[in-house]
Amino acid sequence: MNGSKNQEFSSAEAEVPLVLAESTLDSALVKAYQKSKNQPSDFSVASPASVEFMCKNFPDVTIDKWNNWNWQIQNSYTTFKKLSQVIDFSGVKDFESIVAAKRLPLRITPYYASLMAGSNQTNPIRKGVVPTAYELIVTPGECSDPLHEENCSPAPNLVHRYPDRVLFLATGFCATYCRYCTRSHMVAKEKVHYGLSAWQQALEYIRNNKQIRDVIVSGGDPLTIPETHLEYLLTSLRNIPHIEIIRIGTKAPVVLPQRITCGLVKMLKRYHPLYMSIHFMHPDELTPEVYEACSRLADAGIPLGSQTVLLKGINDNVRTMRQLMHGLLINRVRPYYIYQCDPIPGSSHFRTPVQKGIEIIKGLRGHTSGYAVPHYVIDAPGGGGKIPLLPEYYLGKDGHNIVLQNYEGKRFYYPDEIG
């Protein structure tokens, strides 16, 4: 792990935008994608549901090919015509308007599509990734960049909101596009990966700011980047003396578990202390494939945490959220955050009252393991950062005592006067 790794990339490769393997560009990057595409996958897990879906919709495809992450991206559902072969759009209100709008790019991996195959409009996975007419309704308070990340960007692809940490937006591409994505303004414009040269100003900014000790690599999804380029970024960050920890934010283990190859994990192990925040939405995502992906990462010593957006009609009740949190712990993922849905354009049908999130936390704390209780936060519009929200457990003072209320609603008194 040293600076010599950076020298392995030619200047020509550094200037070529990182594009998908189906691109016709003759670049070192595309060749790397093609090489990966043609290699047998070392990801061998395929649940019965996946195999059934594959046999029905891709009858000429082998398990090895199905388990190749590049094949999954190349064969993703990106049009309503193709997606209609998997789910029924008949009876969907204003379907023609949805097709014409293209507010967010449509992309769903075949693996993730298998989780909603044959479903109706109430399926939670379908609700999270398939457009509806509700996205065309923009309500007051919604905006394309509600967190004002662009205003907190001192260098391209970098957000510096908190004193000691930065958000490094390594790519504008995801394997599957969520309808409620905070960075819909970004993925809508940047449907390709960034080139290595596009990272240099951000890296230089980090080098020149010694108060930065923590870098969160996100996007888009950084695990859609070829390993050589991802390692270039990790090496560059590790070679900065004041960087203590690196975190990767991703949904790949959920929508593209085949990406968690032995080769990727072996590479990631070289850059400890390395943490990973994984975006989970619903218990139905916890499949054998996801268990294998998370096990590989956890076995590599990478601490895993979850990030979950609170979504109306998908996970906005205690039972579903408790099931998800318990399942995450079984998958060796520590519940970390529940986010209030950000007010991006067309998101009102996803957003719940804040009180609903507080009720969920109240229904978890004391009723299940402390490890299963995440923080409920609002990422404050306007760039205010994450603000935690809690039920009222502290009720004030009564003489020399603090008045406390436990998870059962019972009151207790703690002596708060120390002589």
Protein backbone atom coordinates (compact mmCIF):
# COMPACT_ATOMS: atom_id res chain seq x y z
CA MET A 1 0.00 0.00 0.00
CA ASN A 2 2.08 2.90 -1.27
CA GLY A 3 2.19 5.68 -3.77
CA SER A 4 3.65 3.51 -6.51
CA LYS A 5 0.18 2.13 -7.13
CA ASN A 6 -0.79 5.50 -8.55
CA GLN A 7 1.81 5.17 -11.28
CA GLU A 8 0.10 2.12 -12.79
CA PHE A 9 -2.39 4.25 -14.70
CA SER A 10 -1.38 5.92 -17.94
CA SER A 11 -2.28 9.55 -18.49
CA ALA A 12 -4.51 8.49 -21.38
CA GLU A 13 -6.50 6.16 -19.12
CA ALA A 14 -6.78 8.86 -16.47
CA GLU A 15 -8.46 11.16 -18.97
CA VAL A 16 -11.00 8.64 -20.23
CA PRO A 17 -14.37 8.88 -18.48
CA LEU A 18 -15.28 5.70 -16.67
CA VAL A 19 -18.12 4.29 -18.74
CA LEU A 20 -20.09 1.09 -18.79
CA ALA A 21 -18.76 -1.98 -20.53
CA GLU A 22 -21.30 -1.62 -23.32
CA SER A 23 -19.54 1.56 -24.44
CA THR A 24 -17.72 1.40 -27.78
CA LEU A 25 -14.83 3.53 -26.50
CA ASP A 26 -11.49 1.80 -26.92
CA SER A 27 -9.96 2.58 -23.53
CA ALA A 28 -8.04 0.70 -20.87
CA LEU A 29 -11.05 1.02 -18.63
CA VAL A 30 -13.47 -0.55 -21.08
CA LYS A 31 -10.98 -3.35 -21.61
CA ALA A 32 -10.92 -3.88 -17.85
CA TYR A 33 -14.70 -4.11 -17.84
CA GLN A 34 -14.62 -6.54 -20.75
CA LYS A 35 -12.03 -8.69 -19.00
CA SER A 36 -14.17 -8.76 -15.88
CA LYS A 37 -17.26 -9.53 -17.94
CA ASN A 38 -15.67 -12.56 -19.54
CA GLN A 39 -14.10 -14.01 -16.42
CA PRO A 40 -15.95 -16.68 -14.41
CA SER A 41 -17.39 -15.23 -11.23
CA ASP A 42 -16.26 -16.46 -7.82
CA PHE A 43 -19.68 -15.52 -6.46
CA SER A 44 -21.49 -18.86 -6.47
CA VAL A 45 -24.63 -18.25 -4.40
CA ALA A 46 -27.96 -18.16 -6.23
CA SER A 47 -31.21 -18.48 -4.31
CA PRO A 48 -34.07 -20.57 -5.74
CA ALA A 49 -35.95 -17.35 -6.54
CA SER A 50 -33.00 -16.03 -8.53
CA VAL A 51 -32.59 -19.29 -10.45
CA GLU A 52 -36.31 -19.41 -11.27
CA PHE A 53 -36.23 -15.81 -12.49
CA MET A 54 -33.08 -16.43 -14.54
CA CYS A 55 -34.48 -19.54 -16.20
CA LYS A 56 -37.68 -17.74 -17.12
CA ASN A 57 -36.26 -14.45 -18.34
CA PHE A 58 -32.69 -15.34 -19.38
CA PRO A 59 -32.94 -19.00 -20.45
CA ASP A 60 -29.60 -19.01 -22.29
CA VAL A 61 -27.63 -17.60 -19.35
CA THR A 62 -25.51 -19.79 -17.07
CA ILE A 63 -25.24 -19.35 -13.31
CA ASP A 64 -21.65 -18.19 -13.78
CA LYS A 65 -22.76 -15.43 -16.10
CA TRP A 66 -25.72 -14.49 -13.87
CA ASN A 67 -23.29 -14.14 -10.97
CA ASN A 68 -20.98 -11.82 -12.91
CA TRP A 69 -21.60 -8.28 -11.72
CA ASN A 70 -20.77 -6.74 -15.09
CA TRP A 71 -23.35 -8.98 -16.74
CA GLN A 72 -25.89 -7.82 -14.19
CA ILE A 73 -25.19 -4.16 -15.01
CA GLN A 74 -25.15 -4.72 -18.75
CA ASN A 75 -28.48 -6.53 -18.67
CA SER A 76 -30.22 -4.18 -16.28
CA TYR A 77 -33.77 -3.05 -16.92
CA THR A 78 -33.48 0.49 -18.25
CA THR A 79 -36.71 0.84 -20.24
CA PHE A 80 -40.35 0.36 -19.38
CA LYS A 81 -40.73 -1.90 -22.40
CA LYS A 82 -38.18 -4.33 -21.05
CA LEU A 83 -39.41 -4.01 -17.47
CA SER A 84 -42.96 -4.80 -18.57
CA GLN A 85 -41.76 -8.34 -19.26
CA VAL A 86 -41.23 -8.75 -15.54
CA ILE A 87 -44.02 -6.77 -13.88
CA ASP A 88 -47.52 -5.85 -14.98
CA PHE A 89 -48.09 -2.18 -15.77
CA SER A 90 -51.71 -2.63 -16.84
CA GLY A 91 -53.97 -0.50 -14.70
CA VAL A 92 -51.13 1.82 -13.68
CA LYS A 93 -52.47 5.36 -13.57
CA ASP A 94 -50.99 7.86 -16.06
CA PHE A 95 -48.55 5.25 -17.37
CA GLU A 96 -47.82 7.16 -20.58
CA SER A 97 -46.93 10.27 -18.58
CA ILE A 98 -44.56 8.23 -16.44
CA VAL A 99 -42.78 6.83 -19.49
CA ALA A 100 -42.44 10.28 -21.06
CA ALA A 101 -41.27 12.12 -17.94
CA LYS A 102 -37.85 10.51 -17.32
CA ARG A 103 -37.37 12.47 -14.12
CA LEU A 104 -34.89 9.88 -12.92
CA PRO A 105 -33.02 7.39 -15.04
CA LEU A 106 -34.46 3.88 -14.76
CA ARG A 107 -32.05 1.10 -13.90
CA ILE A 108 -32.72 -2.15 -12.04
CA THR A 109 -30.37 -5.13 -12.04
CA PRO A 110 -31.87 -8.48 -13.07
CA TYR A 111 -31.06 -9.84 -9.61
CA TYR A 112 -32.95 -7.03 -7.86
CA ALA A 113 -35.79 -7.25 -10.38
CA SER A 114 -36.20 -10.90 -9.36
CA LEU A 115 -37.32 -9.70 -5.93
CA MET A 116 -40.40 -8.04 -7.40
CA ALA A 117 -41.15 -10.28 -10.39
CA GLY A 118 -44.86 -10.76 -10.95
CA SER A 119 -45.73 -8.33 -8.18
CA ASN A 120 -48.47 -5.75 -8.01
CA GLN A 121 -48.09 -2.07 -7.14
CA THR A 122 -48.02 -2.75 -3.38
CA ASN A 123 -44.76 -4.68 -3.50
CA PRO A 124 -42.22 -2.76 -1.35
CA ILE A 125 -39.25 -3.42 -3.65
CA ARG A 126 -41.26 -2.26 -6.66
CA LYS A 127 -42.33 0.90 -4.84
CA GLY A 128 -38.72 1.80 -4.17
CA VAL A 129 -37.34 1.53 -7.71
CA VAL A 130 -40.18 1.67 -10.26
CA PRO A 131 -41.41 5.16 -11.23
CA THR A 132 -44.99 6.22 -10.56
CA ALA A 133 -47.06 9.27 -11.52
CA TYR A 134 -46.54 10.63 -7.99
CA GLU A 135 -43.02 11.63 -9.02
CA LEU A 136 -44.57 14.23 -11.33
CA ILE A 137 -46.13 16.06 -8.37
CA VAL A 138 -43.80 18.66 -6.88
CA THR A 139 -44.90 20.06 -3.52
CA PRO A 140 -43.72 23.17 -1.60
CA GLY A 141 -40.34 22.80 0.06
CA GLU A 142 -38.99 20.29 -2.43
CA CYS A 143 -35.83 21.04 -4.39
CA SER A 144 -33.24 19.13 -6.40
CA ASP A 145 -30.42 19.62 -3.87
CA PRO A 146 -32.21 19.93 -0.50
CA LEU A 147 -29.03 19.34 1.51
CA HIS A 148 -27.21 22.14 -0.34
CA GLU A 149 -24.31 19.82 -1.10
CA GLU A 150 -23.32 21.89 -4.10
CA ASN A 151 -22.97 24.94 -1.82
CA CYS A 152 -20.65 22.96 0.48
CA SER A 153 -18.40 21.78 -2.33
CA PRO A 154 -14.91 23.37 -2.20
CA ALA A 155 -13.69 21.11 -5.02
CA PRO A 156 -15.38 19.06 -7.73
CA ASN A 157 -16.95 15.84 -6.41
CA LEU A 158 -16.32 16.80 -2.78
CA VAL A 159 -18.67 17.95 0.01
CA HIS A 160 -17.14 19.44 3.16
CA ARG A 161 -19.88 20.14 5.70
CA TYR A 162 -18.40 18.90 8.99
CA PRO A 163 -14.98 20.08 10.23
CA ASP A 164 -13.16 16.74 10.35
CA ARG A 165 -14.74 14.74 7.52
CA VAL A 166 -15.63 15.03 3.87
CA LEU A 167 -17.92 13.27 1.42
CA PHE A 168 -16.10 12.13 -1.72
CA LEU A 169 -18.54 11.66 -4.63
CA ALA A 170 -16.52 9.18 -6.64
CA THR A 171 -19.10 8.46 -9.34
CA GLY A 172 -22.50 9.47 -10.63
CA PHE A 173 -23.53 5.92 -11.48
CA CYS A 174 -25.53 3.35 -9.50
CA ALA A 175 -26.38 -0.26 -10.30
CA THR A 176 -30.03 0.45 -9.44
CA TYR A 177 -31.68 3.85 -9.15
CA CYS A 178 -33.89 4.44 -6.11
CA ARG A 179 -36.85 6.72 -6.70
CA TYR A 180 -36.28 8.68 -3.47
CA CYS A 181 -32.54 9.23 -3.99
CA THR A 182 -31.15 12.35 -2.32
CA ARG A 183 -28.73 12.82 -5.21
CA SER A 184 -31.24 12.40 -8.01
CA HIS A 185 -29.96 15.74 -9.33
CA MET A 186 -26.56 14.14 -9.67
CA VAL A 187 -27.35 10.74 -11.17
CA ALA A 188 -29.82 12.32 -13.59
CA LYS A 189 -26.96 14.34 -15.10
CA GLU A 190 -23.99 12.04 -14.58
CA LYS A 191 -24.89 8.62 -15.93
CA VAL A 192 -21.24 7.60 -16.24
CA HIS A 193 -18.35 7.15 -13.88
CA TYR A 194 -15.91 9.99 -13.44
CA GLY A 195 -12.38 9.74 -14.77
CA LEU A 196 -9.35 9.57 -12.50
CA SER A 197 -8.40 13.12 -13.46
CA ALA A 198 -11.76 14.34 -12.12
CA TRP A 199 -10.73 13.21 -8.63
CA GLN A 200 -7.47 15.11 -8.45
CA GLN A 201 -8.75 18.47 -7.19
CA ALA A 202 -10.69 16.76 -4.42
CA LEU A 203 -7.66 14.70 -3.41
CA GLU A 204 -5.49 17.81 -3.38
CA TYR A 205 -8.02 19.63 -1.21
CA ILE A 206 -7.95 16.76 1.30
CA ARG A 207 -4.13 16.74 1.31
CA ASN A 208 -4.06 20.46 2.07
CA ASN A 209 -6.60 20.31 4.93
CA LYS A 210 -5.08 18.48 7.87
CA GLN A 211 -8.22 18.74 10.01
CA ILE A 212 -9.86 16.16 7.75
CA ARG A 213 -9.46 12.71 9.33
CA ASP A 214 -12.45 10.82 7.87
CA VAL A 215 -13.40 10.40 4.21
CA ILE A 216 -16.75 8.94 3.14
CA VAL A 217 -16.52 7.61 -0.42
CA SER A 218 -19.97 7.68 -1.99
CA GLY A 219 -21.67 8.77 -5.19
CA GLY A 220 -23.56 7.24 -7.05
CA ASP A 221 -22.20 3.92 -5.90
CA PRO A 222 -18.41 3.57 -5.64
CA LEU A 223 -18.59 -0.23 -5.82
CA THR A 224 -19.63 0.07 -9.46
CA ILE A 225 -16.13 1.36 -10.21
CA PRO A 226 -13.58 -1.19 -11.51
CA GLU A 227 -11.31 -2.48 -8.76
CA THR A 228 -8.18 -0.91 -10.26
CA HIS A 229 -9.74 2.55 -10.17
CA LEU A 230 -11.30 2.10 -6.75
CA GLU A 231 -7.94 0.95 -5.44
CA TYR A 232 -6.31 4.00 -6.98
CA LEU A 233 -8.68 6.18 -4.96
CA LEU A 234 -8.22 4.21 -1.73
CA THR A 235 -4.43 4.24 -2.15
CA SER A 236 -4.46 8.00 -2.77
CA LEU A 237 -6.47 8.55 0.40
CA ARG A 238 -4.38 6.15 2.50
CA ASN A 239 -1.22 7.97 1.43
CA ILE A 240 -2.50 11.16 3.07
CA PRO A 241 -1.01 11.04 6.60
CA HIS A 242 -3.89 12.75 8.43
CA ILE A 243 -6.61 10.46 7.04
CA GLU A 244 -7.50 8.05 9.85
CA ILE A 245 -10.51 6.18 8.50
CA ILE A 246 -12.20 5.64 5.16
CA ARG A 247 -15.87 4.80 4.79
CA ILE A 248 -17.65 3.50 1.71
CA GLY A 249 -21.34 4.22 1.19
CA THR A 250 -23.02 1.69 -1.09
CA LYS A 251 -26.14 -0.27 -1.99
CA ALA A 252 -24.26 -2.76 -4.15
CA PRO A 253 -24.40 -5.62 -1.59
CA VAL A 254 -28.21 -5.27 -1.76
CA VAL A 255 -28.95 -4.67 -5.45
CA LEU A 256 -25.77 -6.25 -6.87
CA PRO A 257 -24.41 -8.72 -4.28
CA GLN A 258 -22.44 -10.42 -7.07
CA ARG A 259 -20.13 -7.40 -6.97
CA ILE A 260 -18.69 -8.59 -3.66
CA THR A 261 -16.14 -10.89 -5.23
CA CYS A 262 -13.20 -12.45 -3.43
CA GLY A 263 -10.92 -10.19 -5.46
CA LEU A 264 -12.73 -7.04 -4.37
CA VAL A 265 -12.73 -8.09 -0.73
CA LYS A 266 -9.04 -8.99 -0.85
CA MET A 267 -8.29 -5.54 -2.23
CA LEU A 268 -10.45 -3.72 0.33
CA LYS A 269 -8.70 -5.52 3.20
CA ARG A 270 -5.49 -3.68 2.34
CA TYR A 271 -6.97 -0.32 3.33
CA HIS A 272 -8.03 -0.76 6.96
CA PRO A 273 -9.38 0.91 8.97
CA LEU A 274 -12.14 0.73 6.38
CA TYR A 275 -15.86 0.90 7.17
CA MET A 276 -18.90 0.34 4.98
CA SER A 277 -22.39 1.85 5.21
CA ILE A 278 -24.94 -0.20 3.27
CA HIS A 279 -28.32 1.14 2.20
CA PHE A 280 -31.14 -1.25 3.12
CA MET A 281 -34.82 -0.51 2.58
CA HIS A 282 -36.93 -3.57 3.48
CA PRO A 283 -36.63 -7.08 4.99
CA ASP A 284 -37.37 -8.61 1.58
CA GLU A 285 -33.88 -7.53 0.53
CA LEU A 286 -32.27 -9.95 2.99
CA THR A 287 -31.70 -12.85 0.63
CA PRO A 288 -29.09 -15.65 0.64
CA GLU A 289 -27.08 -13.62 -1.87
CA VAL A 290 -27.03 -10.60 0.44
CA TYR A 291 -26.05 -12.82 3.37
CA GLU A 292 -23.09 -14.13 1.35
CA ALA A 293 -22.01 -10.62 0.31
CA CYS A 294 -22.19 -9.27 3.86
CA SER A 295 -20.43 -12.34 5.25
CA ARG A 296 -17.51 -11.86 2.87
CA LEU A 297 -17.15 -8.23 3.90
CA ALA A 298 -17.52 -8.94 7.62
CA ASP A 299 -15.05 -11.83 7.45
CA ALA A 300 -12.59 -9.36 5.93
CA GLY A 301 -12.80 -7.29 9.10
CA ILE A 302 -14.85 -4.50 7.55
CA PRO A 303 -17.38 -3.13 10.07
CA LEU A 304 -20.78 -2.89 8.37
CA GLY A 305 -23.50 -0.38 9.24
CA SER A 306 -26.93 0.16 7.73
CA GLN A 307 -28.59 3.30 6.42
CA THR A 308 -32.34 3.13 5.89
CA VAL A 309 -34.64 5.84 4.55
CA LEU A 310 -38.06 5.93 6.22
CA LEU A 311 -40.55 5.46 3.38
CA LYS A 312 -44.32 5.69 3.47
CA GLY A 313 -46.01 2.42 2.60
CA ILE A 314 -42.70 0.55 2.47
CA ASN A 315 -41.15 0.43 5.93
CA ASP A 316 -43.08 2.98 8.02
CA ASN A 317 -44.25 0.70 10.80
CA VAL A 318 -42.60 -0.85 13.83
CA ARG A 319 -43.13 -4.45 12.75
CA THR A 320 -41.40 -4.03 9.37
CA MET A 321 -38.59 -1.93 10.77
CA ARG A 322 -37.99 -4.35 13.66
CA GLN A 323 -37.89 -7.26 11.21
CA LEU A 324 -35.37 -5.37 9.08
CA MET A 325 -33.15 -4.44 12.02
CA HIS A 326 -33.16 -7.99 13.38
CA GLY A 327 -32.34 -9.33 9.93
CA LEU A 328 -29.48 -6.90 9.57
CA LEU A 329 -27.90 -8.12 12.79
CA ILE A 330 -28.18 -11.71 11.55
CA ASN A 331 -26.36 -10.52 8.41
CA ARG A 332 -23.70 -8.94 10.68
CA VAL A 333 -24.74 -5.41 9.78
CA ARG A 334 -25.14 -2.95 12.67
CA PRO A 335 -28.24 -0.74 12.31
CA TYR A 336 -26.85 2.80 12.12
CA TYR A 337 -29.27 5.38 10.71
CA ILE A 338 -32.92 5.74 9.84
CA TYR A 339 -33.20 8.86 7.68
CA GLN A 340 -36.26 11.00 7.27
CA CYS A 341 -36.82 11.08 3.51
CA ASP A 342 -35.25 14.16 1.94
CA PRO A 343 -37.60 16.58 0.13
CA ILE A 344 -36.39 16.05 -3.42
CA PRO A 345 -38.85 16.91 -6.24
CA GLY A 346 -41.71 14.43 -6.46
CA SER A 347 -41.05 12.76 -3.11
CA SER A 348 -44.15 13.69 -1.11
CA HIS A 349 -45.66 10.21 -1.55
CA PHE A 350 -42.58 8.74 0.14
CA ARG A 351 -42.35 11.11 3.08
CA THR A 352 -43.95 10.33 6.42
CA PRO A 353 -44.68 12.74 9.28
CA VAL A 354 -41.65 13.05 11.55
CA GLN A 355 -43.78 11.73 14.40
CA LYS A 356 -43.92 8.38 12.57
CA GLY A 357 -40.14 8.02 12.82
CA ILE A 358 -40.23 8.86 16.52
CA GLU A 359 -42.94 6.24 17.03
CA ILE A 360 -40.77 3.64 15.33
CA ILE A 361 -37.79 4.42 17.56
CA LYS A 362 -40.09 4.28 20.59
CA GLY A 363 -41.33 0.89 19.38
CA LEU A 364 -37.77 -0.40 19.10
CA ARG A 365 -35.96 0.98 22.14
CA GLY A 366 -36.46 -1.27 25.13
CA HIS A 367 -38.47 -3.72 23.07
CA THR A 368 -35.46 -5.24 21.34
CA SER A 369 -31.67 -5.41 21.57
CA GLY A 370 -29.92 -2.09 21.83
CA TYR A 371 -27.79 -3.07 18.84
CA ALA A 372 -31.01 -3.21 16.80
CA VAL A 373 -31.93 0.42 17.50
CA PRO A 374 -30.53 2.89 14.94
CA HIS A 375 -30.39 6.67 15.18
CA TYR A 376 -33.35 8.47 13.64
CA VAL A 377 -32.11 11.64 11.94
CA ILE A 378 -33.15 14.41 9.62
CA ASP A 379 -30.43 15.63 7.29
CA ALA A 380 -31.46 19.24 7.67
CA PRO A 381 -32.45 21.01 4.44
CA GLY A 382 -30.15 23.89 3.66
CA GLY A 383 -26.99 22.09 4.71
CA GLY A 384 -27.57 21.88 8.46
CA GLY A 385 -26.26 18.35 8.74
CA LYS A 386 -27.75 15.35 10.52
CA ILE A 387 -29.99 16.19 13.47
CA PRO A 388 -31.04 13.28 15.74
CA LEU A 389 -34.63 12.92 16.88
CA LEU A 390 -35.66 10.96 19.96
CA PRO A 391 -38.82 10.22 21.94
CA GLU A 392 -39.15 12.11 25.23
CA TYR A 393 -37.24 10.03 27.75
CA TYR A 394 -35.93 13.01 29.71
CA LEU A 395 -38.86 14.87 31.29
CA GLY A 396 -36.96 17.55 33.20
CA LYS A 397 -36.20 18.05 36.90
CA ASP A 398 -38.20 17.57 40.08
CA GLY A 399 -36.28 19.16 42.91
CA HIS A 400 -32.92 17.43 43.09
CA ASN A 401 -34.05 14.61 40.82
CA ILE A 402 -34.07 14.05 37.09
CA VAL A 403 -37.40 12.70 35.84
CA LEU A 404 -37.05 9.85 33.35
CA GLN A 405 -39.61 7.89 31.34
CA ASN A 406 -38.74 4.37 30.19
CA TYR A 407 -39.91 2.43 27.16
CA GLU A 408 -43.04 1.29 29.04
CA GLY A 409 -44.07 4.86 29.84
CA LYS A 410 -43.18 4.47 33.53
CA ARG A 411 -41.50 7.33 35.36
CA PHE A 412 -38.30 7.06 37.36
CA TYR A 413 -36.21 9.52 39.35
CA TYR A 414 -32.47 9.87 39.32
CA PRO A 415 -30.66 11.96 41.99
CA ASP A 416 -28.82 14.74 40.20
CA GLU A 417 -27.31 16.71 43.11
CA ILE A 418 -23.70 15.87 43.87
CA GLY A 419 -22.14 17.63 46.88
